[in-house]
All heavy atoms as atom14 arrays in JSON, in Angstrom:
{
  "sequence": "VGYVGRDVESMIRDLVDQSVAMVRSEKSEEVKEKAALLVEERLLDILL",
  "atom14_mask": [
    [1, 1, 1, 1, 1, 1, 1, 0, 0, 0, 0, 0, 0, 0],
    [1, 1, 1, 1, 0, 0, 0, 0, 0, 0, 0, 0, 0, 0],
    [1, 1, 1, 1, 1, 1, 1, 1, 1, 1, 1, 1, 0, 0],
    [1, 1, 1, 1, 1, 1, 1, 0, 0, 0, 0, 0, 0, 0],
    [1, 1, 1, 1, 0, 0, 0, 0, 0, 0, 0, 0, 0, 0],
    [1, 1, 1, 1, 1, 1, 1, 1, 1, 1, 1, 0, 0, 0],
    [1, 1, 1, 1, 1, 1, 1, 1, 0, 0, 0, 0, 0, 0],
    [1, 1, 1, 1, 1, 1, 1, 0, 0, 0, 0, 0, 0, 0],
    [1, 1, 1, 1, 1, 1, 1, 1, 1, 0, 0, 0, 0, 0],
    [1, 1, 1, 1, 1, 1, 0, 0, 0, 0, 0, 0, 0, 0],
    [1, 1, 1, 1, 1, 1, 1, 1, 0, 0, 0, 0, 0, 0],
    [1, 1, 1, 1, 1, 1, 1, 1, 0, 0, 0, 0, 0, 0],
    [1, 1, 1, 1, 1, 1, 1, 1, 1, 1, 1, 0, 0, 0],
    [1, 1, 1, 1, 1, 1, 1, 1, 0, 0, 0, 0, 0, 0],
    [1, 1, 1, 1, 1, 1, 1, 1, 0, 0, 0, 0, 0, 0],
    [1, 1, 1, 1, 1, 1, 1, 0, 0, 0, 0, 0, 0, 0],
    [1, 1, 1, 1, 1, 1, 1, 1, 0, 0, 0, 0, 0, 0],
    [1, 1, 1, 1, 1, 1, 1, 1, 1, 0, 0, 0, 0, 0],
    [1, 1, 1, 1, 1, 1, 0, 0, 0, 0, 0, 0, 0, 0],
    [1, 1, 1, 1, 1, 1, 1, 0, 0, 0, 0, 0, 0, 0],
    [1, 1, 1, 1, 1, 0, 0, 0, 0, 0, 0, 0, 0, 0],
    [1, 1, 1, 1, 1, 1, 1, 1, 0, 0, 0, 0, 0, 0],
    [1, 1, 1, 1, 1, 1, 1, 0, 0, 0, 0, 0, 0, 0],
    [1, 1, 1, 1, 1, 1, 1, 1, 1, 1, 1, 0, 0, 0],
    [1, 1, 1, 1, 1, 1, 0, 0, 0, 0, 0, 0, 0, 0],
    [1, 1, 1, 1, 1, 1, 1, 1, 1, 0, 0, 0, 0, 0],
    [1, 1, 1, 1, 1, 1, 1, 1, 1, 0, 0, 0, 0, 0],
    [1, 1, 1, 1, 1, 1, 0, 0, 0, 0, 0, 0, 0, 0],
    [1, 1, 1, 1, 1, 1, 1, 1, 1, 0, 0, 0, 0, 0],
    [1, 1, 1, 1, 1, 1, 1, 1, 1, 0, 0, 0, 0, 0],
    [1, 1, 1, 1, 1, 1, 1, 0, 0, 0, 0, 0, 0, 0],
    [1, 1, 1, 1, 1, 1, 1, 1, 1, 0, 0, 0, 0, 0],
    [1, 1, 1, 1, 1, 1, 1, 1, 1, 0, 0, 0, 0, 0],
    [1, 1, 1, 1, 1, 1, 1, 1, 1, 0, 0, 0, 0, 0],
    [1, 1, 1, 1, 1, 0, 0, 0, 0, 0, 0, 0, 0, 0],
    [1, 1, 1, 1, 1, 0, 0, 0, 0, 0, 0, 0, 0, 0],
    [1, 1, 1, 1, 1, 1, 1, 1, 0, 0, 0, 0, 0, 0],
    [1, 1, 1, 1, 1, 1, 1, 1, 0, 0, 0, 0, 0, 0],
    [1, 1, 1, 1, 1, 1, 1, 0, 0, 0, 0, 0, 0, 0],
    [1, 1, 1, 1, 1, 1, 1, 1, 1, 0, 0, 0, 0, 0],
    [1, 1, 1, 1, 1, 1, 1, 1, 1, 0, 0, 0, 0, 0],
    [1, 1, 1, 1, 1, 1, 1, 1, 1, 1, 1, 0, 0, 0],
    [1, 1, 1, 1, 1, 1, 1, 1, 0, 0, 0, 0, 0, 0],
    [1, 1, 1, 1, 1, 1, 1, 1, 0, 0, 0, 0, 0, 0],
    [1, 1, 1, 1, 1, 1, 1, 1, 0, 0, 0, 0, 0, 0],
    [1, 1, 1, 1, 1, 1, 1, 1, 0, 0, 0, 0, 0, 0],
    [1, 1, 1, 1, 1, 1, 1, 1, 0, 0, 0, 0, 0, 0],
    [1, 1, 1, 1, 1, 1, 1, 1, 0, 0, 0, 0, 0, 0]
  ],
  "atom14_positions": [
    [[8.63, 1.53, 55.23], [9.84, 1.8, 54.55], [10.43, 0.49, 53.92], [10.65, -0.42, 54.66], [10.89, 2.59, 55.37], [12.22, 2.76, 54.59], [10.3, 3.88, 55.92], [0.0, 0.0, 0.0], [0.0, 0.0, 0.0], [0.0, 0.0, 0.0], [0.0, 0.0, 0.0], [0.0, 0.0, 0.0], [0.0, 0.0, 0.0], [0.0, 0.0, 0.0]],
    [[10.76, 0.52, 52.67], [11.3, -0.68, 52.03], [10.32, -1.35, 51.11], [10.67, -2.18, 50.28], [0.0, 0.0, 0.0], [0.0, 0.0, 0.0], [0.0, 0.0, 0.0], [0.0, 0.0, 0.0], [0.0, 0.0, 0.0], [0.0, 0.0, 0.0], [0.0, 0.0, 0.0], [0.0, 0.0, 0.0], [0.0, 0.0, 0.0], [0.0, 0.0, 0.0]],
    [[9.06, -0.96, 51.16], [7.98, -1.5, 50.32], [7.51, -0.43, 49.39], [7.72, 0.85, 49.57], [6.67, -1.94, 51.14], [7.0, -3.14, 51.94], [7.63, -3.08, 53.21], [6.63, -4.47, 51.45], [7.83, -4.22, 53.94], [6.95, -5.57, 52.19], [7.48, -5.49, 53.41], [7.73, -6.64, 54.17], [0.0, 0.0, 0.0], [0.0, 0.0, 0.0]],
    [[6.97, -0.83, 48.21], [6.45, 0.11, 47.23], [5.28, 0.85, 47.8], [4.27, 0.24, 48.31], [5.99, -0.61, 45.94], [5.45, 0.39, 44.93], [7.19, -1.35, 45.27], [0.0, 0.0, 0.0], [0.0, 0.0, 0.0], [0.0, 0.0, 0.0], [0.0, 0.0, 0.0], [0.0, 0.0, 0.0], [0.0, 0.0, 0.0], [0.0, 0.0, 0.0]],
    [[5.29, 2.16, 47.76], [4.23, 2.98, 48.33], [4.72, 4.36, 48.85], [5.92, 4.64, 48.83], [0.0, 0.0, 0.0], [0.0, 0.0, 0.0], [0.0, 0.0, 0.0], [0.0, 0.0, 0.0], [0.0, 0.0, 0.0], [0.0, 0.0, 0.0], [0.0, 0.0, 0.0], [0.0, 0.0, 0.0], [0.0, 0.0, 0.0], [0.0, 0.0, 0.0]],
    [[3.83, 5.1, 49.36], [4.18, 6.42, 49.84], [4.78, 6.39, 51.27], [4.37, 5.58, 52.11], [2.96, 7.32, 49.91], [2.35, 7.64, 48.52], [1.48, 8.87, 48.57], [2.2, 10.1, 48.71], [1.68, 11.34, 48.92], [0.33, 11.39, 49.05], [2.39, 12.34, 48.99], [0.0, 0.0, 0.0], [0.0, 0.0, 0.0], [0.0, 0.0, 0.0]],
    [[5.67, 7.31, 51.5], [6.29, 7.49, 52.83], [5.36, 8.22, 53.69], [4.74, 9.19, 53.26], [7.63, 8.15, 52.68], [8.26, 8.6, 54.02], [7.89, 7.99, 54.96], [9.18, 9.39, 53.87], [0.0, 0.0, 0.0], [0.0, 0.0, 0.0], [0.0, 0.0, 0.0], [0.0, 0.0, 0.0], [0.0, 0.0, 0.0], [0.0, 0.0, 0.0]],
    [[5.15, 7.78, 55.01], [4.2, 8.5, 55.88], [4.53, 10.0, 56.09], [3.6, 10.81, 56.26], [4.03, 7.79, 57.25], [3.4, 6.43, 57.07], [5.42, 7.72, 57.91], [0.0, 0.0, 0.0], [0.0, 0.0, 0.0], [0.0, 0.0, 0.0], [0.0, 0.0, 0.0], [0.0, 0.0, 0.0], [0.0, 0.0, 0.0], [0.0, 0.0, 0.0]],
    [[5.82, 10.33, 55.98], [6.22, 11.77, 56.17], [5.68, 12.63, 55.04], [5.56, 13.82, 55.14], [7.71, 11.89, 56.21], [8.25, 11.37, 57.55], [9.77, 11.68, 57.69], [10.31, 12.24, 56.72], [10.32, 11.46, 58.79], [0.0, 0.0, 0.0], [0.0, 0.0, 0.0], [0.0, 0.0, 0.0], [0.0, 0.0, 0.0], [0.0, 0.0, 0.0]],
    [[5.23, 12.05, 53.86], [4.73, 12.79, 52.84], [3.44, 13.58, 53.13], [3.09, 14.56, 52.52], [4.56, 11.96, 51.55], [3.53, 11.03, 51.75], [0.0, 0.0, 0.0], [0.0, 0.0, 0.0], [0.0, 0.0, 0.0], [0.0, 0.0, 0.0], [0.0, 0.0, 0.0], [0.0, 0.0, 0.0], [0.0, 0.0, 0.0], [0.0, 0.0, 0.0]],
    [[2.71, 12.98, 54.11], [1.49, 13.72, 54.54], [1.79, 15.14, 55.12], [1.04, 16.12, 54.87], [0.64, 12.93, 55.48], [1.21, 12.7, 56.87], [0.14, 11.82, 58.0], [0.2, 10.17, 57.37], [0.0, 0.0, 0.0], [0.0, 0.0, 0.0], [0.0, 0.0, 0.0], [0.0, 0.0, 0.0], [0.0, 0.0, 0.0], [0.0, 0.0, 0.0]],
    [[2.87, 15.21, 55.82], [3.28, 16.5, 56.36], [3.79, 17.46, 55.28], [3.53, 18.65, 55.28], [4.34, 16.38, 57.5], [3.79, 15.44, 58.62], [4.78, 17.65, 58.06], [2.52, 15.92, 59.26], [0.0, 0.0, 0.0], [0.0, 0.0, 0.0], [0.0, 0.0, 0.0], [0.0, 0.0, 0.0], [0.0, 0.0, 0.0], [0.0, 0.0, 0.0]],
    [[4.52, 16.88, 54.35], [5.02, 17.66, 53.16], [3.84, 18.22, 52.38], [3.87, 19.34, 51.95], [5.95, 16.8, 52.3], [7.3, 16.57, 52.96], [8.33, 15.99, 52.05], [8.16, 14.55, 51.86], [8.81, 13.65, 52.68], [9.64, 14.11, 53.55], [8.68, 12.37, 52.53], [0.0, 0.0, 0.0], [0.0, 0.0, 0.0], [0.0, 0.0, 0.0]],
    [[2.78, 17.33, 52.2], [1.59, 17.81, 51.53], [0.9, 18.96, 52.28], [0.39, 19.91, 51.7], [0.61, 16.63, 51.3], [1.12, 15.59, 50.39], [2.03, 15.94, 49.53], [0.6, 14.45, 50.34], [0.0, 0.0, 0.0], [0.0, 0.0, 0.0], [0.0, 0.0, 0.0], [0.0, 0.0, 0.0], [0.0, 0.0, 0.0], [0.0, 0.0, 0.0]],
    [[0.94, 18.77, 53.61], [0.26, 19.83, 54.46], [1.04, 21.07, 54.38], [0.32, 22.23, 54.32], [0.27, 19.33, 55.94], [-0.54, 20.16, 56.92], [-1.97, 20.11, 56.6], [-0.35, 19.63, 58.39], [0.0, 0.0, 0.0], [0.0, 0.0, 0.0], [0.0, 0.0, 0.0], [0.0, 0.0, 0.0], [0.0, 0.0, 0.0], [0.0, 0.0, 0.0]],
    [[2.31, 21.07, 54.3], [3.14, 22.31, 54.18], [2.88, 23.04, 52.84], [2.75, 24.18, 52.7], [4.63, 21.99, 54.35], [5.41, 23.31, 54.12], [4.89, 21.51, 55.82], [0.0, 0.0, 0.0], [0.0, 0.0, 0.0], [0.0, 0.0, 0.0], [0.0, 0.0, 0.0], [0.0, 0.0, 0.0], [0.0, 0.0, 0.0], [0.0, 0.0, 0.0]],
    [[2.78, 22.15, 51.77], [2.45, 22.71, 50.46], [1.12, 23.42, 50.45], [0.98, 24.52, 49.89], [2.42, 21.56, 49.43], [3.81, 20.96, 49.1], [4.79, 21.72, 49.36], [3.91, 19.88, 48.55], [0.0, 0.0, 0.0], [0.0, 0.0, 0.0], [0.0, 0.0, 0.0], [0.0, 0.0, 0.0], [0.0, 0.0, 0.0], [0.0, 0.0, 0.0]],
    [[0.14, 22.81, 51.07], [-1.25, 23.42, 51.25], [-1.15, 24.79, 51.92], [-1.67, 25.76, 51.59], [-2.16, 22.53, 51.97], [-2.59, 21.26, 51.22], [-3.65, 21.51, 50.17], [-4.24, 22.59, 50.16], [-3.94, 20.56, 49.37], [0.0, 0.0, 0.0], [0.0, 0.0, 0.0], [0.0, 0.0, 0.0], [0.0, 0.0, 0.0], [0.0, 0.0, 0.0]],
    [[-0.35, 24.76, 53.05], [-0.18, 25.97, 53.87], [0.48, 27.09, 53.06], [0.11, 28.28, 53.19], [0.58, 25.62, 55.11], [0.58, 26.65, 56.02], [0.0, 0.0, 0.0], [0.0, 0.0, 0.0], [0.0, 0.0, 0.0], [0.0, 0.0, 0.0], [0.0, 0.0, 0.0], [0.0, 0.0, 0.0], [0.0, 0.0, 0.0], [0.0, 0.0, 0.0]],
    [[1.54, 26.74, 52.34], [2.29, 27.71, 51.59], [1.32, 28.34, 50.5], [1.27, 29.58, 50.26], [3.51, 27.11, 50.85], [4.06, 28.05, 49.82], [4.6, 26.83, 51.93], [0.0, 0.0, 0.0], [0.0, 0.0, 0.0], [0.0, 0.0, 0.0], [0.0, 0.0, 0.0], [0.0, 0.0, 0.0], [0.0, 0.0, 0.0], [0.0, 0.0, 0.0]],
    [[0.5, 27.55, 49.86], [-0.42, 27.99, 48.85], [-1.52, 28.9, 49.55], [-1.84, 29.94, 48.9], [-1.13, 26.82, 48.19], [0.0, 0.0, 0.0], [0.0, 0.0, 0.0], [0.0, 0.0, 0.0], [0.0, 0.0, 0.0], [0.0, 0.0, 0.0], [0.0, 0.0, 0.0], [0.0, 0.0, 0.0], [0.0, 0.0, 0.0], [0.0, 0.0, 0.0]],
    [[-1.94, 28.56, 50.73], [-2.95, 29.35, 51.44], [-2.39, 30.69, 51.77], [-3.02, 31.71, 51.56], [-3.34, 28.51, 52.69], [-4.41, 29.24, 53.53], [-4.72, 28.44, 55.09], [-5.39, 26.83, 54.54], [0.0, 0.0, 0.0], [0.0, 0.0, 0.0], [0.0, 0.0, 0.0], [0.0, 0.0, 0.0], [0.0, 0.0, 0.0], [0.0, 0.0, 0.0]],
    [[-1.16, 30.7, 52.41], [-0.59, 31.99, 52.79], [-0.23, 32.82, 51.57], [-0.47, 34.03, 51.57], [0.7, 31.81, 53.66], [1.31, 33.06, 54.0], [0.37, 30.98, 54.91], [0.0, 0.0, 0.0], [0.0, 0.0, 0.0], [0.0, 0.0, 0.0], [0.0, 0.0, 0.0], [0.0, 0.0, 0.0], [0.0, 0.0, 0.0], [0.0, 0.0, 0.0]],
    [[0.25, 32.24, 50.47], [0.55, 32.94, 49.28], [-0.73, 33.65, 48.74], [-0.7, 34.78, 48.29], [1.23, 32.04, 48.23], [1.68, 32.83, 46.95], [2.02, 31.85, 45.82], [3.24, 31.13, 46.1], [3.25, 29.85, 45.98], [2.18, 29.13, 45.71], [4.38, 29.21, 46.19], [0.0, 0.0, 0.0], [0.0, 0.0, 0.0], [0.0, 0.0, 0.0]],
    [[-1.81, 32.93, 48.8], [-3.1, 33.49, 48.28], [-3.53, 34.68, 49.22], [-4.04, 35.66, 48.69], [-4.17, 32.31, 48.36], [-5.39, 32.87, 48.0], [0.0, 0.0, 0.0], [0.0, 0.0, 0.0], [0.0, 0.0, 0.0], [0.0, 0.0, 0.0], [0.0, 0.0, 0.0], [0.0, 0.0, 0.0], [0.0, 0.0, 0.0], [0.0, 0.0, 0.0]],
    [[-3.37, 34.54, 50.51], [-3.69, 35.66, 51.36], [-2.83, 36.87, 51.17], [-3.31, 37.98, 51.04], [-3.56, 35.21, 52.84], [-4.5, 34.18, 53.34], [-4.13, 33.59, 54.73], [-3.19, 34.01, 55.28], [-4.91, 32.73, 55.06], [0.0, 0.0, 0.0], [0.0, 0.0, 0.0], [0.0, 0.0, 0.0], [0.0, 0.0, 0.0], [0.0, 0.0, 0.0]],
    [[-1.57, 36.63, 50.89], [-0.59, 37.72, 50.7], [-0.93, 38.32, 49.31], [-0.79, 39.62, 49.16], [0.82, 37.26, 50.73], [1.34, 36.71, 52.04], [1.54, 37.71, 53.02], [2.11, 37.2, 54.33], [2.16, 38.18, 55.38], [0.0, 0.0, 0.0], [0.0, 0.0, 0.0], [0.0, 0.0, 0.0], [0.0, 0.0, 0.0], [0.0, 0.0, 0.0]],
    [[-1.33, 37.54, 48.37], [-1.67, 38.06, 47.05], [-2.8, 39.05, 47.15], [-2.88, 40.07, 46.45], [-2.08, 36.91, 46.08], [-0.97, 36.07, 45.88], [0.0, 0.0, 0.0], [0.0, 0.0, 0.0], [0.0, 0.0, 0.0], [0.0, 0.0, 0.0], [0.0, 0.0, 0.0], [0.0, 0.0, 0.0], [0.0, 0.0, 0.0], [0.0, 0.0, 0.0]],
    [[-3.85, 38.7, 47.93], [-4.99, 39.63, 48.11], [-4.55, 40.91, 48.7], [-5.1, 42.0, 48.37], [-5.98, 39.01, 49.0], [-6.8, 37.85, 48.41], [-7.6, 38.24, 47.15], [-8.22, 39.36, 47.14], [-7.49, 37.56, 46.14], [0.0, 0.0, 0.0], [0.0, 0.0, 0.0], [0.0, 0.0, 0.0], [0.0, 0.0, 0.0], [0.0, 0.0, 0.0]],
    [[-3.55, 40.92, 49.59], [-3.08, 42.13, 50.28], [-2.38, 43.09, 49.32], [-2.5, 44.26, 49.43], [-2.14, 41.72, 51.4], [-2.79, 41.08, 52.64], [-1.73, 40.62, 53.65], [-0.57, 41.09, 53.51], [-2.16, 39.86, 54.58], [0.0, 0.0, 0.0], [0.0, 0.0, 0.0], [0.0, 0.0, 0.0], [0.0, 0.0, 0.0], [0.0, 0.0, 0.0]],
    [[-1.7, 42.56, 48.29], [-0.94, 43.38, 47.39], [-1.64, 43.57, 46.04], [-1.12, 44.13, 45.13], [0.48, 42.81, 47.11], [1.23, 42.67, 48.43], [0.41, 41.46, 46.44], [0.0, 0.0, 0.0], [0.0, 0.0, 0.0], [0.0, 0.0, 0.0], [0.0, 0.0, 0.0], [0.0, 0.0, 0.0], [0.0, 0.0, 0.0], [0.0, 0.0, 0.0]],
    [[-2.92, 43.1, 45.96], [-3.59, 43.1, 44.67], [-3.75, 44.54, 44.17], [-3.64, 44.79, 42.95], [-4.95, 42.36, 44.78], [-5.45, 41.77, 43.53], [-6.62, 40.82, 43.74], [-7.0, 40.11, 42.45], [-8.04, 39.18, 42.68], [0.0, 0.0, 0.0], [0.0, 0.0, 0.0], [0.0, 0.0, 0.0], [0.0, 0.0, 0.0], [0.0, 0.0, 0.0]],
    [[-4.14, 45.41, 45.0], [-4.42, 46.82, 44.56], [-3.21, 47.45, 44.12], [-3.16, 48.17, 43.01], [-5.06, 47.68, 45.77], [-6.46, 47.21, 46.05], [-7.08, 48.15, 47.12], [-6.5, 49.19, 47.44], [-8.13, 47.8, 47.65], [0.0, 0.0, 0.0], [0.0, 0.0, 0.0], [0.0, 0.0, 0.0], [0.0, 0.0, 0.0], [0.0, 0.0, 0.0]],
    [[-2.03, 47.28, 44.78], [-0.81, 47.89, 44.44], [-0.3, 47.25, 43.07], [0.21, 47.95, 42.2], [0.26, 47.6, 45.46], [1.57, 48.35, 45.24], [2.58, 48.14, 46.42], [3.82, 48.9, 46.2], [4.83, 48.74, 47.33], [0.0, 0.0, 0.0], [0.0, 0.0, 0.0], [0.0, 0.0, 0.0], [0.0, 0.0, 0.0], [0.0, 0.0, 0.0]],
    [[-0.58, 45.93, 42.87], [-0.2, 45.25, 41.66], [-0.99, 45.76, 40.5], [-0.47, 45.99, 39.39], [-0.36, 43.76, 41.81], [0.0, 0.0, 0.0], [0.0, 0.0, 0.0], [0.0, 0.0, 0.0], [0.0, 0.0, 0.0], [0.0, 0.0, 0.0], [0.0, 0.0, 0.0], [0.0, 0.0, 0.0], [0.0, 0.0, 0.0], [0.0, 0.0, 0.0]],
    [[-2.26, 46.08, 40.8], [-3.13, 46.65, 39.67], [-2.6, 47.9, 39.14], [-2.66, 48.19, 37.89], [-4.58, 46.72, 40.21], [0.0, 0.0, 0.0], [0.0, 0.0, 0.0], [0.0, 0.0, 0.0], [0.0, 0.0, 0.0], [0.0, 0.0, 0.0], [0.0, 0.0, 0.0], [0.0, 0.0, 0.0], [0.0, 0.0, 0.0], [0.0, 0.0, 0.0]],
    [[-2.16, 48.83, 40.04], [-1.68, 50.08, 39.61], [-0.32, 49.9, 38.77], [-0.07, 50.62, 37.73], [-1.24, 50.95, 40.81], [-2.47, 51.44, 41.71], [-2.0, 52.13, 42.94], [-3.4, 52.28, 40.86], [0.0, 0.0, 0.0], [0.0, 0.0, 0.0], [0.0, 0.0, 0.0], [0.0, 0.0, 0.0], [0.0, 0.0, 0.0], [0.0, 0.0, 0.0]],
    [[0.52, 48.94, 39.21], [1.71, 48.67, 38.43], [1.44, 48.1, 37.12], [2.12, 48.41, 36.11], [2.6, 47.72, 39.23], [3.19, 48.27, 40.49], [3.87, 47.19, 41.37], [4.24, 49.39, 40.28], [0.0, 0.0, 0.0], [0.0, 0.0, 0.0], [0.0, 0.0, 0.0], [0.0, 0.0, 0.0], [0.0, 0.0, 0.0], [0.0, 0.0, 0.0]],
    [[0.39, 47.27, 36.99], [0.01, 46.64, 35.71], [-0.54, 47.75, 34.78], [-0.17, 47.75, 33.54], [-1.14, 45.6, 35.93], [-1.77, 45.2, 34.68], [-0.57, 44.37, 36.66], [0.0, 0.0, 0.0], [0.0, 0.0, 0.0], [0.0, 0.0, 0.0], [0.0, 0.0, 0.0], [0.0, 0.0, 0.0], [0.0, 0.0, 0.0], [0.0, 0.0, 0.0]],
    [[-1.25, 48.75, 35.31], [-1.74, 49.82, 34.43], [-0.56, 50.59, 33.86], [-0.57, 50.91, 32.63], [-2.59, 50.76, 35.27], [-4.0, 50.22, 35.62], [-4.81, 51.19, 36.45], [-4.24, 52.16, 36.97], [-6.02, 50.92, 36.58], [0.0, 0.0, 0.0], [0.0, 0.0, 0.0], [0.0, 0.0, 0.0], [0.0, 0.0, 0.0], [0.0, 0.0, 0.0]],
    [[0.49, 50.85, 34.63], [1.65, 51.49, 34.17], [2.35, 50.74, 33.08], [2.77, 51.31, 31.97], [2.66, 51.82, 35.28], [2.23, 52.89, 36.27], [2.1, 54.26, 35.55], [3.02, 54.56, 34.68], [1.15, 54.94, 35.74], [0.0, 0.0, 0.0], [0.0, 0.0, 0.0], [0.0, 0.0, 0.0], [0.0, 0.0, 0.0], [0.0, 0.0, 0.0]],
    [[2.46, 49.44, 33.25], [3.13, 48.64, 32.22], [2.24, 48.52, 30.93], [2.83, 48.53, 29.8], [3.34, 47.22, 32.76], [4.44, 47.18, 33.8], [4.78, 45.77, 34.31], [5.29, 44.9, 33.22], [5.66, 43.61, 33.42], [5.47, 43.12, 34.68], [6.1, 42.85, 32.47], [0.0, 0.0, 0.0], [0.0, 0.0, 0.0], [0.0, 0.0, 0.0]],
    [[0.96, 48.47, 31.07], [0.11, 48.42, 29.89], [0.15, 49.8, 29.14], [0.18, 49.83, 27.94], [-1.36, 48.13, 30.33], [-1.67, 46.73, 30.71], [-3.11, 46.65, 31.24], [-1.55, 45.8, 29.5], [0.0, 0.0, 0.0], [0.0, 0.0, 0.0], [0.0, 0.0, 0.0], [0.0, 0.0, 0.0], [0.0, 0.0, 0.0], [0.0, 0.0, 0.0]],
    [[0.25, 50.91, 29.95], [0.37, 52.19, 29.25], [1.73, 52.27, 28.52], [1.73, 52.85, 27.39], [0.35, 53.33, 30.38], [-1.07, 53.9, 30.71], [-0.84, 54.95, 31.83], [-1.72, 54.44, 29.55], [0.0, 0.0, 0.0], [0.0, 0.0, 0.0], [0.0, 0.0, 0.0], [0.0, 0.0, 0.0], [0.0, 0.0, 0.0], [0.0, 0.0, 0.0]],
    [[2.81, 51.74, 29.07], [4.11, 51.83, 28.39], [4.08, 51.02, 27.06], [4.8, 51.42, 26.14], [5.15, 51.22, 29.36], [5.45, 52.15, 30.5], [5.04, 53.31, 30.5], [6.05, 51.7, 31.54], [0.0, 0.0, 0.0], [0.0, 0.0, 0.0], [0.0, 0.0, 0.0], [0.0, 0.0, 0.0], [0.0, 0.0, 0.0], [0.0, 0.0, 0.0]],
    [[3.23, 49.91, 27.08], [3.13, 49.15, 25.85], [2.27, 49.93, 24.84], [2.61, 50.03, 23.63], [2.54, 47.77, 26.11], [3.45, 46.96, 26.97], [2.22, 47.03, 24.86], [2.86, 45.63, 27.51], [0.0, 0.0, 0.0], [0.0, 0.0, 0.0], [0.0, 0.0, 0.0], [0.0, 0.0, 0.0], [0.0, 0.0, 0.0], [0.0, 0.0, 0.0]],
    [[1.14, 50.47, 25.23], [0.16, 51.19, 24.37], [0.71, 52.53, 23.88], [0.64, 52.91, 22.75], [-1.09, 51.4, 25.03], [-1.99, 50.17, 25.38], [-3.06, 50.45, 26.36], [-2.55, 49.62, 24.07], [0.0, 0.0, 0.0], [0.0, 0.0, 0.0], [0.0, 0.0, 0.0], [0.0, 0.0, 0.0], [0.0, 0.0, 0.0], [0.0, 0.0, 0.0]],
    [[1.34, 53.2, 24.8], [1.84, 54.57, 24.5], [3.09, 54.83, 25.29], [3.02, 55.31, 26.41], [0.73, 55.67, 24.92], [0.95, 57.05, 24.34], [0.83, 57.06, 22.81], [-0.06, 57.99, 24.98], [0.0, 0.0, 0.0], [0.0, 0.0, 0.0], [0.0, 0.0, 0.0], [0.0, 0.0, 0.0], [0.0, 0.0, 0.0], [0.0, 0.0, 0.0]]
  ]
}
């Protein structure tokens, strides 16, 4: 601390960012089918 460079705590912040991305990806897979049905409805509303 006090010199030009990265703070050692940034490695934990990077780890948390990775973890959030990982869990978000897992949750996305869980809701993918439900999202696909909602997307079809929205596309139908645009087309007809």
